[in-house]
Amino acid sequence: MTKEKIMKYSFWFAIVCLIMSPWITVVWGEWGNGVTLVGLFVIVTYSEFLPRFHGSFLKTLSGIIAILGVIILEIIYSIIVSAIAIPSC
């Protein structure tokens, strides 16, 4: 397998982990948190090896901002899923 294919598959694995993790958290709390962490670690590793985030300080800063954006979107998505899936008393 080439490096590009491995990067592509790891990216899609991370996306699936991040999409499924709030739903898994509703059913199995600890497992869902673990899946979220795996997805975030893979996204961070993926962005670390992207050449567009290498070179100057601004490119590195844009990579860090992109990672923080993914984390914020995951938090918002988790809150929305929790509000939908867990009925209020």
N, C-alpha and C. Protein backbone atom coordinates (compact mmCIF):
# COMPACT_ATOMS: atom_id res chain seq x y z
N MET A 1 0.83 -1.18 0.00
CA MET A 1 0.00 0.00 0.00
C MET A 1 0.88 1.25 0.00
N THR A 2 0.47 2.21 -0.77
CA THR A 2 1.24 3.45 -0.82
C THR A 2 0.89 4.35 0.36
N LYS A 3 1.74 5.32 0.60
CA LYS A 3 1.51 6.25 1.70
C LYS A 3 0.21 7.03 1.50
N GLU A 4 -0.10 7.38 0.25
CA GLU A 4 -1.31 8.15 -0.02
C GLU A 4 -2.57 7.34 0.31
N LYS A 5 -2.55 6.04 -0.03
CA LYS A 5 -3.71 5.20 0.28
C LYS A 5 -3.88 5.03 1.77
N ILE A 6 -2.77 4.84 2.47
CA ILE A 6 -2.85 4.69 3.93
C ILE A 6 -3.40 5.97 4.55
N MET A 7 -2.95 7.12 4.07
CA MET A 7 -3.46 8.39 4.59
C MET A 7 -4.95 8.55 4.29
N LYS A 8 -5.36 8.16 3.10
CA LYS A 8 -6.77 8.28 2.72
C LYS A 8 -7.64 7.38 3.60
N TYR A 9 -7.21 6.14 3.80
CA TYR A 9 -8.00 5.22 4.61
C TYR A 9 -8.01 5.62 6.08
N SER A 10 -6.91 6.13 6.57
CA SER A 10 -6.90 6.58 7.96
C SER A 10 -7.80 7.80 8.15
N PHE A 11 -7.85 8.67 7.15
CA PHE A 11 -8.75 9.82 7.23
C PHE A 11 -10.21 9.38 7.30
N TRP A 12 -10.60 8.45 6.42
CA TRP A 12 -11.98 7.98 6.43
C TRP A 12 -12.30 7.19 7.69
N PHE A 13 -11.33 6.46 8.24
CA PHE A 13 -11.53 5.77 9.51
C PHE A 13 -11.78 6.78 10.62
N ALA A 14 -11.02 7.86 10.64
CA ALA A 14 -11.21 8.89 11.66
C ALA A 14 -12.57 9.56 11.52
N ILE A 15 -13.00 9.82 10.30
CA ILE A 15 -14.31 10.44 10.09
C ILE A 15 -15.42 9.53 10.60
N VAL A 16 -15.33 8.25 10.29
CA VAL A 16 -16.34 7.29 10.77
C VAL A 16 -16.33 7.24 12.30
N CYS A 17 -15.15 7.23 12.89
CA CYS A 17 -15.06 7.23 14.36
C CYS A 17 -15.71 8.46 14.95
N LEU A 18 -15.45 9.62 14.36
CA LEU A 18 -16.01 10.85 14.90
C LEU A 18 -17.51 10.95 14.69
N ILE A 19 -18.02 10.37 13.61
CA ILE A 19 -19.46 10.41 13.37
C ILE A 19 -20.19 9.43 14.29
N MET A 20 -19.62 8.26 14.51
CA MET A 20 -20.30 7.23 15.29
C MET A 20 -20.11 7.38 16.80
N SER A 21 -19.08 8.08 17.23
CA SER A 21 -18.75 8.11 18.66
C SER A 21 -19.86 8.68 19.56
N PRO A 22 -20.58 9.75 19.20
CA PRO A 22 -21.64 10.20 20.11
C PRO A 22 -22.77 9.17 20.25
N TRP A 23 -23.06 8.45 19.18
CA TRP A 23 -24.11 7.44 19.26
C TRP A 23 -23.66 6.26 20.11
N ILE A 24 -22.38 5.92 20.01
CA ILE A 24 -21.86 4.85 20.87
C ILE A 24 -21.82 5.31 22.32
N THR A 25 -21.54 6.58 22.55
CA THR A 25 -21.51 7.12 23.90
C THR A 25 -22.88 7.03 24.57
N VAL A 26 -23.93 7.22 23.79
CA VAL A 26 -25.28 7.12 24.36
C VAL A 26 -25.55 5.71 24.88
N VAL A 27 -25.07 4.70 24.15
CA VAL A 27 -25.32 3.31 24.53
C VAL A 27 -24.27 2.82 25.52
N TRP A 28 -23.00 2.96 25.19
CA TRP A 28 -21.90 2.53 26.05
C TRP A 28 -20.99 3.74 26.27
N GLY A 29 -21.10 4.36 27.42
CA GLY A 29 -20.41 5.62 27.69
C GLY A 29 -18.90 5.59 27.48
N GLU A 30 -18.23 4.65 28.13
CA GLU A 30 -16.77 4.62 28.06
C GLU A 30 -16.28 4.26 26.66
N TRP A 31 -16.96 3.36 26.00
CA TRP A 31 -16.55 2.96 24.65
C TRP A 31 -16.67 4.13 23.68
N GLY A 32 -17.71 4.89 23.80
CA GLY A 32 -17.89 6.05 22.92
C GLY A 32 -16.81 7.09 23.12
N ASN A 33 -16.44 7.32 24.39
CA ASN A 33 -15.35 8.26 24.65
C ASN A 33 -14.04 7.77 24.06
N GLY A 34 -13.80 6.48 24.14
CA GLY A 34 -12.60 5.91 23.55
C GLY A 34 -12.58 6.05 22.03
N VAL A 35 -13.73 5.82 21.40
CA VAL A 35 -13.82 5.96 19.94
C VAL A 35 -13.59 7.42 19.54
N THR A 36 -14.09 8.35 20.33
CA THR A 36 -13.85 9.78 20.05
C THR A 36 -12.37 10.10 20.11
N LEU A 37 -11.70 9.60 21.14
CA LEU A 37 -10.27 9.87 21.26
C LEU A 37 -9.48 9.25 20.11
N VAL A 38 -9.84 8.04 19.71
CA VAL A 38 -9.16 7.41 18.58
C VAL A 38 -9.36 8.26 17.32
N GLY A 39 -10.59 8.70 17.08
CA GLY A 39 -10.86 9.53 15.90
C GLY A 39 -10.07 10.83 15.93
N LEU A 40 -9.99 11.48 17.09
CA LEU A 40 -9.24 12.73 17.19
C LEU A 40 -7.74 12.50 17.01
N PHE A 41 -7.22 11.42 17.59
CA PHE A 41 -5.79 11.12 17.41
C PHE A 41 -5.45 10.86 15.96
N VAL A 42 -6.33 10.15 15.25
CA VAL A 42 -6.06 9.85 13.84
C VAL A 42 -6.15 11.12 13.00
N ILE A 43 -7.11 11.99 13.31
CA ILE A 43 -7.21 13.27 12.57
C ILE A 43 -5.96 14.11 12.81
N VAL A 44 -5.49 14.16 14.04
CA VAL A 44 -4.28 14.94 14.35
C VAL A 44 -3.07 14.34 13.63
N THR A 45 -2.96 13.02 13.64
CA THR A 45 -1.86 12.37 12.95
C THR A 45 -1.95 12.59 11.44
N TYR A 46 -3.15 12.51 10.91
CA TYR A 46 -3.35 12.76 9.47
C TYR A 46 -2.92 14.16 9.10
N SER A 47 -3.33 15.14 9.87
CA SER A 47 -2.98 16.52 9.53
C SER A 47 -1.50 16.80 9.75
N GLU A 48 -0.87 16.04 10.64
CA GLU A 48 0.56 16.22 10.86
C GLU A 48 1.38 15.84 9.63
N PHE A 49 0.91 14.86 8.87
CA PHE A 49 1.65 14.39 7.72
C PHE A 49 1.22 15.06 6.41
N LEU A 50 0.24 15.93 6.45
CA LEU A 50 -0.14 16.64 5.23
C LEU A 50 0.91 17.69 4.89
N PRO A 51 1.36 17.71 3.65
CA PRO A 51 2.40 18.68 3.30
C PRO A 51 1.92 20.12 3.28
N ARG A 52 0.63 20.36 3.16
CA ARG A 52 0.16 21.75 3.08
C ARG A 52 0.28 22.47 4.42
N PHE A 53 0.47 21.72 5.52
CA PHE A 53 0.63 22.36 6.83
C PHE A 53 2.09 22.46 7.24
N HIS A 54 3.02 22.23 6.32
CA HIS A 54 4.44 22.32 6.62
C HIS A 54 5.03 23.55 5.95
N GLY A 55 6.11 24.02 6.49
CA GLY A 55 6.80 25.14 5.85
C GLY A 55 6.91 26.34 6.75
N SER A 56 5.97 27.23 6.65
CA SER A 56 6.05 28.47 7.42
C SER A 56 5.21 28.37 8.69
N PHE A 57 5.37 29.38 9.51
CA PHE A 57 4.61 29.44 10.76
C PHE A 57 3.12 29.55 10.49
N LEU A 58 2.73 30.30 9.48
CA LEU A 58 1.31 30.48 9.19
C LEU A 58 0.66 29.17 8.72
N LYS A 59 1.41 28.37 7.97
CA LYS A 59 0.87 27.08 7.54
C LYS A 59 0.68 26.14 8.74
N THR A 60 1.66 26.14 9.64
CA THR A 60 1.53 25.33 10.85
C THR A 60 0.38 25.82 11.72
N LEU A 61 0.25 27.12 11.85
CA LEU A 61 -0.84 27.70 12.62
C LEU A 61 -2.20 27.36 12.01
N SER A 62 -2.29 27.36 10.69
CA SER A 62 -3.55 26.99 10.05
C SER A 62 -3.88 25.52 10.30
N GLY A 63 -2.88 24.66 10.37
CA GLY A 63 -3.12 23.26 10.72
C GLY A 63 -3.65 23.11 12.13
N ILE A 64 -3.09 23.86 13.06
CA ILE A 64 -3.56 23.82 14.45
C ILE A 64 -4.99 24.35 14.54
N ILE A 65 -5.28 25.40 13.84
CA ILE A 65 -6.64 25.96 13.83
C ILE A 65 -7.63 24.97 13.21
N ALA A 66 -7.21 24.27 12.16
CA ALA A 66 -8.08 23.26 11.55
C ALA A 66 -8.38 22.13 12.54
N ILE A 67 -7.38 21.69 13.29
CA ILE A 67 -7.59 20.64 14.28
C ILE A 67 -8.54 21.13 15.38
N LEU A 68 -8.33 22.34 15.85
CA LEU A 68 -9.24 22.89 16.87
C LEU A 68 -10.66 23.02 16.33
N GLY A 69 -10.80 23.37 15.06
CA GLY A 69 -12.12 23.44 14.44
C GLY A 69 -12.81 22.08 14.43
N VAL A 70 -12.06 21.04 14.11
CA VAL A 70 -12.63 19.68 14.12
C VAL A 70 -13.07 19.31 15.53
N ILE A 71 -12.27 19.64 16.52
CA ILE A 71 -12.62 19.32 17.91
C ILE A 71 -13.88 20.08 18.33
N ILE A 72 -13.98 21.35 17.97
CA ILE A 72 -15.17 22.14 18.34
C ILE A 72 -16.41 21.58 17.64
N LEU A 73 -16.28 21.23 16.36
CA LEU A 73 -17.42 20.64 15.65
C LEU A 73 -17.84 19.30 16.27
N GLU A 74 -16.87 18.51 16.72
CA GLU A 74 -17.20 17.24 17.37
C GLU A 74 -17.93 17.47 18.69
N ILE A 75 -17.52 18.47 19.45
CA ILE A 75 -18.21 18.79 20.70
C ILE A 75 -19.65 19.22 20.43
N ILE A 76 -19.85 20.09 19.45
CA ILE A 76 -21.20 20.53 19.11
C ILE A 76 -22.05 19.36 18.63
N TYR A 77 -21.47 18.51 17.78
CA TYR A 77 -22.19 17.34 17.28
C TYR A 77 -22.55 16.39 18.42
N SER A 78 -21.65 16.21 19.38
CA SER A 78 -21.94 15.34 20.53
C SER A 78 -23.08 15.89 21.37
N ILE A 79 -23.10 17.20 21.56
CA ILE A 79 -24.17 17.81 22.34
C ILE A 79 -25.51 17.64 21.63
N ILE A 80 -25.53 17.83 20.32
CA ILE A 80 -26.78 17.67 19.56
C ILE A 80 -27.26 16.23 19.62
N VAL A 81 -26.36 15.28 19.44
CA VAL A 81 -26.75 13.87 19.50
C VAL A 81 -27.25 13.51 20.88
N SER A 82 -26.59 14.00 21.91
CA SER A 82 -27.03 13.72 23.29
C SER A 82 -28.41 14.31 23.55
N ALA A 83 -28.67 15.50 23.01
CA ALA A 83 -29.99 16.11 23.20
C ALA A 83 -31.08 15.34 22.48
N ILE A 84 -30.74 14.76 21.34
CA ILE A 84 -31.73 13.98 20.58
C ILE A 84 -31.94 12.61 21.18
N ALA A 85 -30.86 11.95 21.54
CA ALA A 85 -30.93 10.54 21.93
C ALA A 85 -31.32 10.33 23.38
N ILE A 86 -30.95 11.23 24.26
CA ILE A 86 -31.27 11.06 25.68
C ILE A 86 -32.50 11.89 25.98
N PRO A 87 -33.61 11.24 26.26
CA PRO A 87 -34.84 12.00 26.56
C PRO A 87 -34.74 12.71 27.90
N SER A 88 -35.27 13.91 27.95
CA SER A 88 -35.24 14.65 29.21
C SER A 88 -36.33 14.13 30.13
N CYS A 89 -36.08 14.23 31.42
CA CYS A 89 -37.02 13.71 32.40
C CYS A 89 -38.09 14.72 32.72
